[in-house]
């Protein structure tokens, strides 16, 4: 490697560190000097592409999307098959509301790698959010034809069809996938859920048993089977299966959520220690960020700002929101000045929440207590009239959240509790035997923090006003 190449490699490493820390304004002058000084004229084309890519990302983090796209276009010209560069470009195209071009970008990624499941997801989310039902989920069929030896495209399509309530279509997708790989346990569990949804419980039971026999040490398979047993009124068998899953993966949020339901079904007092709604669900009514006299003014400004970003026609099909929209890109560290000011207040609340946890090696949530943590995802959701979140958990989190930016006036009703956050009620497929354990009234400026494995959802409301939130997940670092 020449000395100029070595210098550029060191520069790129420093820029990558700054961008990982979301310090875009610090990275930009370094990148500009490198471009102006001719460092990008070295012989390593991949380094020149990386320099343009990083400049594009740097500008994107400052919401300078048109300028970002110019640099990303140059990066694609230099490295036309680099998936990271193409993915960054597709996101920027969406910010510019050039949706046809973003769709084409994801299609090019899939032409390069038909098994790029993240690009499949982003493409189909975009199609769905924009109401483009023609071609929705079709990319999985294209991939199945291109890679006929892989069951993954068909099985993944089946999972999403299940989320959409299309159990018969899902069953057909899983059957096709099983013909390719009959011993794939994940496909069998999907087929079992389809059969269960169609009312064929004996066939579903056989599929679940077969999947566990194939993968007895896979916590996902065990959790799926445990859920079926609980829905089949076999709480003892479900508890044994969920305990096995938890022993294999102690931080598996789905296993913990199911374990709590099993305890509850058996009136087991261990539910009190695991879920402990009274101390693990906490409310923080935040003070106004710097530069704002009060939270009412701040949240009004923030709601107006976020409303302009919620440009889609409907929700993400793979998420829990019904009757509204969710921003597709991260809301933290993405150049949103008002959000950045709020984030400082949120971060202080998260630290206070963690420091107040009582360490307990026998408690799966508090045993992970650490002062070092990271945000693994952040987003904004906006519910419209009759909108709600189905009951769910956050599989990738440790601490989850809801911060209320705008709340409909109907939420003042303390009897019907429209728009309220509820805890302890699982998804509808578990029936009506698990009513909510706790309900919290949403208020602008209110942050609620809780363990990611706690079942939670919202009560639908019929008012025409929006209910706008920011949410995030935290994990120990």
Protein backbone atom coordinates (compact mmCIF):
# COMPACT_ATOMS: atom_id res chain seq x y z
CA UNK A 1 0.00 0.00 0.00
CA UNK A 2 1.33 3.46 -0.93
CA UNK A 3 1.76 6.17 1.69
CA UNK A 4 -1.20 8.13 0.25
CA UNK A 5 -3.39 5.03 0.44
CA UNK A 6 -2.29 4.47 4.04
CA UNK A 7 -3.12 8.07 4.97
CA UNK A 8 -6.55 7.79 3.37
CA UNK A 9 -7.20 4.49 5.18
CA UNK A 10 -6.41 6.20 8.49
CA UNK A 11 -8.63 9.14 7.57
CA UNK A 12 -11.52 6.85 6.67
CA UNK A 13 -11.14 4.99 9.95
CA UNK A 14 -11.36 8.29 11.87
CA UNK A 15 -14.42 9.39 9.86
CA UNK A 16 -16.11 6.06 10.47
CA UNK A 17 -15.52 6.47 14.20
CA UNK A 18 -17.04 9.95 14.15
CA UNK A 19 -20.07 8.85 12.13
CA UNK A 20 -20.62 5.88 14.43
CA UNK A 21 -20.73 8.41 17.27
CA UNK A 22 -23.16 10.50 15.15
CA UNK A 23 -20.68 13.41 15.09
CA UNK A 24 -21.46 14.39 11.51
CA UNK A 25 -20.47 18.03 11.87
CA UNK A 26 -17.01 16.92 13.07
CA UNK A 27 -16.63 14.45 10.20
CA UNK A 28 -17.66 16.84 7.43
CA UNK A 29 -14.58 19.15 7.41
CA UNK A 30 -12.25 16.14 7.44
CA UNK A 31 -14.02 14.70 4.44
CA UNK A 32 -14.08 18.02 2.60
CA UNK A 33 -10.35 18.51 3.09
CA UNK A 34 -9.71 15.02 1.78
CA UNK A 35 -11.78 15.73 -1.33
CA UNK A 36 -10.23 19.14 -1.92
CA UNK A 37 -6.65 17.98 -1.29
CA UNK A 38 -6.94 15.28 -3.89
CA UNK A 39 -6.66 12.38 -1.49
CA UNK A 40 -9.50 10.73 -3.36
CA UNK A 41 -7.37 10.49 -6.50
CA UNK A 42 -5.38 7.57 -5.07
CA UNK A 43 -5.31 4.29 -6.90
CA UNK A 44 -7.69 2.47 -4.55
CA UNK A 45 -11.10 2.90 -6.16
CA UNK A 46 -12.80 1.30 -3.15
CA UNK A 47 -11.31 4.01 -0.92
CA UNK A 48 -12.56 6.75 -3.23
CA UNK A 49 -16.00 5.17 -3.11
CA UNK A 50 -15.85 4.99 0.69
CA UNK A 51 -14.91 8.68 0.87
CA UNK A 52 -17.92 9.66 -1.24
CA UNK A 53 -20.15 7.29 0.72
CA UNK A 54 -19.12 8.72 4.06
CA UNK A 55 -19.70 12.26 2.81
CA UNK A 56 -23.17 11.21 1.70
CA UNK A 57 -23.92 9.70 5.10
CA UNK A 58 -22.47 12.74 6.85
CA UNK A 59 -24.77 15.09 4.92
CA UNK A 60 -27.74 12.79 5.36
CA UNK A 61 -27.28 12.95 9.14
CA UNK A 62 -27.57 16.73 8.79
CA UNK A 63 -30.75 16.38 6.69
CA UNK A 64 -29.00 17.85 3.63
CA UNK A 65 -30.49 15.19 1.41
CA UNK A 66 -29.95 16.67 -2.06
CA UNK A 67 -26.23 17.20 -1.39
CA UNK A 68 -26.02 13.74 0.19
CA UNK A 69 -27.48 12.16 -2.93
CA UNK A 70 -24.85 13.83 -5.15
CA UNK A 71 -22.05 12.14 -3.20
CA UNK A 72 -23.87 8.82 -2.98
CA UNK A 73 -24.40 8.83 -6.74
CA UNK A 74 -20.64 9.30 -7.13
CA UNK A 75 -20.02 6.45 -4.70
CA UNK A 76 -22.33 4.14 -6.65
CA UNK A 77 -20.49 5.00 -9.87
CA UNK A 78 -17.20 4.02 -8.23
CA UNK A 79 -18.56 0.89 -6.50
CA UNK A 80 -21.78 -0.14 -8.28
CA UNK A 81 -22.08 -3.45 -6.41
CA UNK A 82 -21.49 -2.22 -2.85
CA UNK A 83 -24.73 -2.96 -0.96
CA UNK A 84 -24.04 -0.51 1.88
CA UNK A 85 -23.68 2.39 -0.52
CA UNK A 86 -26.80 1.44 -2.42
CA UNK A 87 -28.78 1.06 0.80
CA UNK A 88 -27.71 4.52 2.01
CA UNK A 89 -28.78 5.93 -1.34
CA UNK A 90 -32.19 4.24 -1.17
CA UNK A 91 -32.86 5.80 2.25
CA UNK A 92 -31.91 9.27 1.04
CA UNK A 93 -34.17 8.86 -2.00
CA UNK A 94 -37.06 8.18 0.37
CA UNK A 95 -36.28 11.33 2.34
CA UNK A 96 -36.45 13.23 -0.94
CA UNK A 97 -39.81 11.52 -1.61
CA UNK A 98 -38.42 10.03 -4.81
CA UNK A 99 -40.21 6.79 -4.10
CA UNK A 100 -40.02 5.31 -7.61
CA UNK A 101 -36.25 5.73 -7.57
CA UNK A 102 -36.01 4.23 -4.06
CA UNK A 103 -38.01 1.20 -5.20
CA UNK A 104 -35.69 0.81 -8.19
CA UNK A 105 -32.67 1.02 -5.87
CA UNK A 106 -33.96 -1.83 -3.69
CA UNK A 107 -34.77 -3.86 -6.81
CA UNK A 108 -31.16 -3.44 -7.98
CA UNK A 109 -29.93 -4.66 -4.60
CA UNK A 110 -32.11 -7.74 -4.92
CA UNK A 111 -30.97 -8.35 -8.48
CA UNK A 112 -27.41 -8.54 -7.07
CA UNK A 113 -28.41 -10.74 -4.13
CA UNK A 114 -31.88 -12.32 -4.20
CA UNK A 115 -31.36 -13.50 -0.60
CA UNK A 116 -30.77 -10.00 0.79
CA UNK A 117 -33.68 -10.24 3.23
CA UNK A 118 -33.23 -6.73 4.65
CA UNK A 119 -33.66 -5.23 1.17
CA UNK A 120 -36.74 -7.41 0.64
CA UNK A 121 -38.19 -6.04 3.87
CA UNK A 122 -37.40 -2.39 3.08
CA UNK A 123 -38.76 -2.69 -0.46
CA UNK A 124 -42.03 -4.23 0.64
CA UNK A 125 -42.44 -1.86 3.58
CA UNK A 126 -42.06 1.04 1.15
CA UNK A 127 -44.58 -0.46 -1.29
CA UNK A 128 -47.09 -1.01 1.51
CA UNK A 129 -46.65 2.41 3.16
CA UNK A 130 -47.21 4.09 -0.19
CA UNK A 131 -50.31 2.01 -0.92
CA UNK A 132 -48.70 0.31 -3.91
CA UNK A 133 -50.35 -3.05 -3.51
CA UNK A 134 -49.42 -4.17 -7.01
CA UNK A 135 -46.22 -6.11 -6.58
CA UNK A 136 -46.37 -6.10 -2.77
CA UNK A 137 -44.50 -9.21 -1.47
CA UNK A 138 -43.79 -10.18 -5.07
CA UNK A 139 -40.03 -9.85 -4.57
CA UNK A 140 -40.07 -13.04 -2.48
CA UNK A 141 -41.58 -15.01 -5.39
CA UNK A 142 -38.98 -13.57 -7.76
CA UNK A 143 -36.21 -14.63 -5.38
CA UNK A 144 -37.73 -18.09 -5.02
CA UNK A 145 -37.58 -18.52 -8.78
CA UNK A 146 -34.02 -17.20 -8.96
CA UNK A 147 -32.74 -19.36 -6.07
CA UNK A 148 -35.01 -22.43 -6.23
CA UNK A 149 -32.85 -24.34 -3.73
CA UNK A 150 -33.48 -21.86 -0.89
CA UNK A 151 -36.62 -22.02 1.28
CA UNK A 152 -35.91 -18.64 2.88
CA UNK A 153 -37.81 -16.30 0.49
CA UNK A 154 -40.98 -18.38 0.62
CA UNK A 155 -40.81 -18.94 4.39
CA UNK A 156 -40.22 -15.22 5.00
CA UNK A 157 -43.16 -14.34 2.77
CA UNK A 158 -45.26 -16.81 4.77
CA UNK A 159 -44.38 -15.05 8.04
CA UNK A 160 -45.51 -11.71 6.68
CA UNK A 161 -48.70 -13.17 5.23
CA UNK A 162 -49.45 -14.45 8.73
CA UNK A 163 -48.97 -10.93 10.13
CA UNK A 164 -51.45 -9.68 7.53
CA UNK A 165 -54.04 -12.28 8.59
CA UNK A 166 -53.79 -14.22 5.32
CA UNK A 167 -53.41 -17.64 6.92
CA UNK A 168 -54.34 -19.71 3.86
CA UNK A 169 -51.86 -17.87 1.63
CA UNK A 170 -49.24 -18.22 4.37
CA UNK A 171 -49.86 -21.97 4.59
CA UNK A 172 -49.31 -22.36 0.85
CA UNK A 173 -46.02 -20.41 1.07
CA UNK A 174 -44.79 -22.58 3.96
CA UNK A 175 -45.80 -25.76 2.11
CA UNK A 176 -43.75 -24.68 -0.90
CA UNK A 177 -40.79 -23.87 1.37
CA UNK A 178 -41.03 -27.27 3.08
CA UNK A 179 -40.90 -29.06 -0.24
CA UNK A 180 -37.47 -27.48 -0.69
CA UNK A 181 -36.20 -28.10 2.88
CA UNK A 182 -38.47 -30.54 4.76
CA UNK A 183 -36.33 -30.50 7.92
CA UNK A 184 -36.29 -26.74 8.50
CA UNK A 185 -37.78 -26.15 11.95
CA UNK A 186 -38.52 -22.45 11.47
CA UNK A 187 -40.65 -23.22 8.43
CA UNK A 188 -42.50 -25.91 10.36
CA UNK A 189 -43.39 -23.50 13.15
CA UNK A 190 -44.71 -21.03 10.58
CA UNK A 191 -46.78 -23.77 8.99
CA UNK A 192 -48.06 -24.74 12.44
CA UNK A 193 -49.17 -21.16 13.16
CA UNK A 194 -50.97 -21.08 9.81
CA UNK A 195 -52.79 -24.33 10.56
CA UNK A 196 -53.70 -23.06 14.02
CA UNK A 197 -55.10 -19.85 12.55
CA UNK A 198 -57.17 -21.93 10.11
CA UNK A 199 -58.59 -24.00 12.98
CA UNK A 200 -56.74 -27.28 12.32
CA UNK A 201 -55.26 -27.71 15.80
CA UNK A 202 -54.32 -31.42 15.48
CA UNK A 203 -52.25 -30.73 12.37
CA UNK A 204 -50.75 -27.64 14.02
CA UNK A 205 -49.80 -29.70 17.09
CA UNK A 206 -48.06 -32.28 14.91
CA UNK A 207 -46.05 -29.55 13.15
CA UNK A 208 -45.01 -27.96 16.43
CA UNK A 209 -43.91 -31.31 17.87
CA UNK A 210 -41.91 -32.07 14.75
CA UNK A 211 -40.19 -28.66 14.85
CA UNK A 212 -39.15 -29.17 18.48
CA UNK A 213 -37.87 -32.67 17.69
CA UNK A 214 -35.71 -31.18 14.92
CA UNK A 215 -34.39 -28.23 16.98
CA UNK A 216 -34.79 -29.00 20.70
CA UNK A 217 -32.25 -26.32 21.65
CA UNK A 218 -33.64 -23.47 19.53
CA UNK A 219 -35.33 -20.95 21.85
CA UNK A 220 -37.45 -19.49 19.02
CA UNK A 221 -38.89 -22.91 18.23
CA UNK A 222 -39.51 -23.65 21.92
CA UNK A 223 -41.25 -20.28 22.46
CA UNK A 224 -43.50 -20.85 19.44
CA UNK A 225 -44.48 -24.29 20.71
CA UNK A 226 -44.99 -23.01 24.26
CA UNK A 227 -47.37 -20.35 22.95
CA UNK A 228 -49.41 -23.00 21.16
CA UNK A 229 -49.60 -25.13 24.30
CA UNK A 230 -50.78 -22.14 26.35
CA UNK A 231 -53.40 -21.28 23.75
CA UNK A 232 -54.45 -24.95 23.94
CA UNK A 233 -55.03 -24.68 27.71
CA UNK A 234 -51.93 -26.73 28.57
CA UNK A 235 -50.36 -24.17 30.89
CA UNK A 236 -48.10 -26.71 32.58
CA UNK A 237 -46.64 -27.97 29.31
CA UNK A 238 -46.27 -24.39 28.12
CA UNK A 239 -44.43 -23.43 31.30
CA UNK A 240 -41.97 -26.31 30.92
CA UNK A 241 -41.29 -25.34 27.30
CA UNK A 242 -40.94 -21.62 28.05
CA UNK A 243 -38.58 -22.38 30.97
CA UNK A 244 -36.40 -24.44 28.62
CA UNK A 245 -36.27 -21.53 26.16
CA UNK A 246 -35.38 -19.08 28.94
CA UNK A 247 -32.61 -21.38 30.22
CA UNK A 248 -31.11 -21.49 26.73
CA UNK A 249 -31.39 -17.73 26.12
CA UNK A 250 -31.81 -15.82 29.42
CA UNK A 251 -32.16 -12.47 27.64
CA UNK A 252 -34.74 -13.70 25.10
CA UNK A 253 -37.59 -11.20 25.56
CA UNK A 254 -40.15 -13.47 23.87
CA UNK A 255 -39.33 -16.32 26.25
CA UNK A 256 -39.71 -13.99 29.24
CA UNK A 257 -43.03 -12.64 27.97
CA UNK A 258 -44.39 -16.15 27.58
CA UNK A 259 -42.97 -17.26 30.89
CA UNK A 260 -44.91 -14.46 32.56
CA UNK A 261 -48.15 -15.56 30.88
CA UNK A 262 -47.57 -19.15 31.97
CA UNK A 263 -47.02 -18.06 35.59
CA UNK A 264 -50.19 -16.01 35.39
CA UNK A 265 -52.24 -18.85 33.91
CA UNK A 266 -51.15 -21.06 36.81
CA UNK A 267 -51.58 -18.34 39.49
CA UNK A 268 -47.86 -18.69 40.16
CA UNK A 269 -46.50 -15.90 42.37
CA UNK A 270 -43.31 -15.83 40.31
CA UNK A 271 -45.22 -13.58 37.92
CA UNK A 272 -45.09 -10.83 40.55
CA UNK A 273 -41.29 -10.87 40.63
CA UNK A 274 -40.87 -11.18 36.86
CA UNK A 275 -43.32 -8.51 35.70
CA UNK A 276 -43.52 -6.32 38.84
CA UNK A 277 -45.56 -3.61 37.14
CA UNK A 278 -45.54 -1.48 40.28
CA UNK A 279 -41.78 -0.81 40.22
CA UNK A 280 -40.55 -1.74 36.72
CA UNK A 281 -43.03 0.47 34.83
CA UNK A 282 -42.12 4.07 35.62
CA UNK A 283 -43.43 7.48 34.56
CA UNK A 284 -41.21 10.53 33.96
CA UNK A 285 -42.93 13.84 33.25
CA UNK A 286 -40.03 15.66 31.62
CA UNK A 287 -38.96 19.26 32.07
CA UNK A 288 -38.79 21.48 28.96
CA UNK A 289 -35.56 21.25 26.94
CA UNK A 290 -33.19 24.19 26.79
CA UNK A 291 -34.61 27.12 24.88
CA UNK A 292 -38.27 26.39 25.67
CA UNK A 293 -40.20 27.98 28.49
CA UNK A 294 -42.63 25.10 28.97
CA UNK A 295 -43.40 21.59 27.70
CA UNK A 296 -46.72 22.61 26.11
CA UNK A 297 -44.96 24.99 23.71
CA UNK A 298 -42.13 22.55 23.04
CA UNK A 299 -44.44 19.61 22.29
CA UNK A 300 -46.62 21.75 20.05
CA UNK A 301 -43.54 22.71 18.01
CA UNK A 302 -42.31 19.12 17.99
CA UNK A 303 -45.71 17.78 16.89
CA UNK A 304 -45.84 20.23 13.98
CA UNK A 305 -42.34 19.20 12.95
CA UNK A 306 -43.05 15.47 13.14
CA UNK A 307 -46.37 15.82 11.31
CA UNK A 308 -44.48 17.10 8.27
CA UNK A 309 -42.30 13.97 8.31
CA UNK A 310 -45.21 11.52 8.49
CA UNK A 311 -45.82 11.57 4.72
CA UNK A 312 -46.80 7.91 4.17
CA UNK A 313 -50.36 6.82 3.47
CA UNK A 314 -50.44 3.93 5.95
CA UNK A 315 -48.45 2.00 8.55
CA UNK A 316 -45.54 -0.45 8.22
CA UNK A 317 -47.09 -3.85 7.55
CA UNK A 318 -44.56 -5.69 9.73
CA UNK A 319 -45.05 -3.48 12.79
CA UNK A 320 -47.71 -3.24 15.52
CA UNK A 321 -49.36 0.03 14.54
CA UNK A 322 -52.85 0.03 13.01
CA UNK A 323 -54.46 3.16 11.64
CA UNK A 324 -51.54 5.55 11.37
CA UNK A 325 -47.94 5.90 10.22
CA UNK A 326 -44.46 5.28 11.55
CA UNK A 327 -41.28 6.96 10.36
CA UNK A 328 -39.05 4.48 8.52
CA UNK A 329 -35.74 6.06 9.58
CA UNK A 330 -34.21 6.51 13.03
CA UNK A 331 -35.49 9.56 14.91
CA UNK A 332 -32.45 9.91 17.21
CA UNK A 333 -29.06 11.10 15.91
CA UNK A 334 -30.51 12.01 12.52
CA UNK A 335 -30.30 15.77 12.36
CA UNK A 336 -33.63 16.55 14.04
CA UNK A 337 -32.81 19.60 16.19
CA UNK A 338 -35.94 19.48 18.38
CA UNK A 339 -35.58 15.73 18.88
CA UNK A 340 -31.92 16.19 19.84
CA UNK A 341 -32.93 18.64 22.56
CA UNK A 342 -35.56 16.25 23.85
CA UNK A 343 -33.11 13.35 23.71
CA UNK A 344 -30.94 14.99 26.37
CA UNK A 345 -33.93 14.96 28.75
CA UNK A 346 -34.80 11.38 27.77
CA UNK A 347 -31.22 10.25 28.33
CA UNK A 348 -31.27 11.73 31.83
CA UNK A 349 -34.51 9.84 32.60
CA UNK A 350 -33.06 6.57 31.29
CA UNK A 351 -30.02 6.98 33.54
CA UNK A 352 -32.25 7.69 36.55
CA UNK A 353 -34.41 4.68 35.71
CA UNK A 354 -31.41 2.34 35.49
CA UNK A 355 -29.71 3.70 38.61
CA UNK A 356 -32.91 3.12 40.57
CA UNK A 357 -33.15 -0.56 39.67
CA UNK A 358 -32.33 -2.89 42.53
CA UNK A 359 -29.74 -5.45 41.31
CA UNK A 360 -31.11 -8.95 41.68
CA UNK A 361 -29.36 -11.91 40.08
CA UNK A 362 -32.58 -13.92 40.16
CA UNK A 363 -34.61 -11.27 38.29
CA UNK A 364 -34.05 -11.47 34.49
CA UNK A 365 -34.55 -7.73 33.97
CA UNK A 366 -32.64 -6.14 36.84
CA UNK A 367 -29.84 -8.72 36.65
CA UNK A 368 -28.77 -7.00 33.39
CA UNK A 369 -28.45 -3.61 35.12
CA UNK A 370 -25.44 -1.64 33.93
CA UNK A 371 -24.59 2.04 33.71
CA UNK A 372 -23.40 1.60 30.11
CA UNK A 373 -26.17 1.28 27.54
CA UNK A 374 -27.00 1.91 23.88
CA UNK A 375 -30.10 2.87 21.92
CA UNK A 376 -30.87 0.06 19.46
CA UNK A 377 -33.75 1.74 17.70
CA UNK A 378 -35.78 4.96 17.82
CA UNK A 379 -38.87 5.93 15.88
CA UNK A 380 -41.92 8.17 15.77
CA UNK A 381 -45.46 6.83 15.43
CA UNK A 382 -48.61 8.78 14.69
CA UNK A 383 -52.05 7.28 15.28
CA UNK A 384 -55.10 8.75 13.61
CA UNK A 385 -58.79 8.33 14.50
CA UNK A 386 -59.50 4.68 15.49
CA UNK A 387 -55.77 3.98 15.47
CA UNK A 388 -54.05 1.77 18.01
CA UNK A 389 -51.07 -0.48 18.67
CA UNK A 390 -51.81 -4.19 18.92
CA UNK A 391 -50.49 -5.85 22.08
CA UNK A 392 -46.86 -6.76 21.61
CA UNK A 393 -43.36 -6.93 23.10
CA UNK A 394 -39.99 -5.66 21.85
CA UNK A 395 -37.83 -8.74 21.11
CA UNK A 396 -34.61 -6.77 20.51
CA UNK A 397 -34.79 -4.55 23.61
CA UNK A 398 -34.05 -4.50 27.33
CA UNK A 399 -35.79 -1.24 28.23
CA UNK A 400 -38.60 0.04 26.02
CA UNK A 401 -40.48 3.30 26.06
CA UNK A 402 -43.21 5.68 24.98
CA UNK A 403 -42.82 9.47 24.93
CA UNK A 404 -45.99 11.42 24.22
CA UNK A 405 -45.73 14.41 21.89
CA UNK A 406 -49.41 14.96 21.05
CA UNK A 407 -52.43 13.30 22.67
CA UNK A 408 -56.12 13.52 21.69
CA UNK A 409 -58.42 15.29 24.13
CA UNK A 410 -60.39 12.05 24.45
CA UNK A 411 -57.54 10.60 26.53
CA UNK A 412 -58.85 12.64 29.47
CA UNK A 413 -61.63 10.04 29.80
CA UNK A 414 -60.51 7.99 32.80
CA UNK A 415 -63.31 5.44 32.37
CA UNK A 416 -63.09 4.41 28.71
CA UNK A 417 -59.36 5.27 28.64
CA UNK A 418 -59.15 5.91 24.87
CA UNK A 419 -55.55 6.12 23.64
CA UNK A 420 -54.18 4.89 26.99
CA UNK A 421 -51.14 2.63 27.28
CA UNK A 422 -52.03 -0.77 28.75
CA UNK A 423 -49.74 -3.47 30.15
CA UNK A 424 -50.20 -7.20 30.73
CA UNK A 425 -52.69 -8.04 27.99
CA UNK A 426 -51.12 -10.31 25.33
CA UNK A 427 -51.87 -10.53 21.62
CA UNK A 428 -55.41 -11.48 20.60
CA UNK A 429 -54.55 -15.10 19.78
CA UNK A 430 -54.19 -15.81 23.52
CA UNK A 431 -57.87 -15.05 24.06
CA UNK A 432 -59.53 -12.91 26.70
CA UNK A 433 -58.22 -14.61 29.82
CA UNK A 434 -55.43 -12.10 30.42
CA UNK A 435 -56.92 -8.61 30.95
CA UNK A 436 -54.59 -5.62 31.41
CA UNK A 437 -52.69 -5.39 34.69
CA UNK A 438 -51.91 -1.67 34.44
CA UNK A 439 -53.09 1.32 32.37
CA UNK A 440 -51.32 4.67 32.03
CA UNK A 441 -52.85 7.90 30.80
CA UNK A 442 -50.82 9.53 28.01
CA UNK A 443 -49.94 13.19 28.43
CA UNK A 444 -47.73 15.43 26.27
CA UNK A 445 -44.28 15.49 27.84
CA UNK A 446 -44.73 12.15 29.59
CA UNK A 447 -42.14 9.37 29.17
CA UNK A 448 -42.93 5.81 30.23
CA UNK A 449 -40.08 3.28 30.63
CA UNK A 450 -40.57 -0.45 31.12
CA UNK A 451 -39.00 -3.89 30.46
CA UNK A 452 -39.12 -4.86 26.80
CA UNK A 453 -40.73 -8.23 27.56
CA UNK A 454 -43.85 -6.72 29.12
CA UNK A 455 -46.91 -7.07 26.89
CA UNK A 456 -48.23 -3.62 26.01
CA UNK A 457 -50.59 -1.98 23.54
CA UNK A 458 -53.01 0.93 23.31
CA UNK A 459 -56.75 1.38 23.67
CA UNK A 460 -58.26 2.53 20.33
CA UNK A 461 -59.84 5.97 20.20
CA UNK A 462 -62.29 7.52 17.73
CA UNK A 463 -61.34 11.21 17.88
CA UNK A 464 -60.04 12.91 14.74
CA UNK A 465 -56.95 14.21 16.56
CA UNK A 466 -53.53 12.61 16.21
CA UNK A 467 -51.68 10.72 18.91
CA UNK A 468 -47.97 11.23 18.21
CA UNK A 469 -45.19 9.46 20.07
CA UNK A 470 -41.45 8.88 20.04
CA UNK A 471 -40.25 5.48 21.21
CA UNK A 472 -36.95 3.67 21.51
CA UNK A 473 -35.27 0.55 22.85
CA UNK A 474 -32.24 0.45 25.14
CA UNK A 475 -29.85 -2.48 25.63
CA UNK A 476 -26.93 -2.96 28.06
CA UNK A 477 -23.55 -2.20 26.54
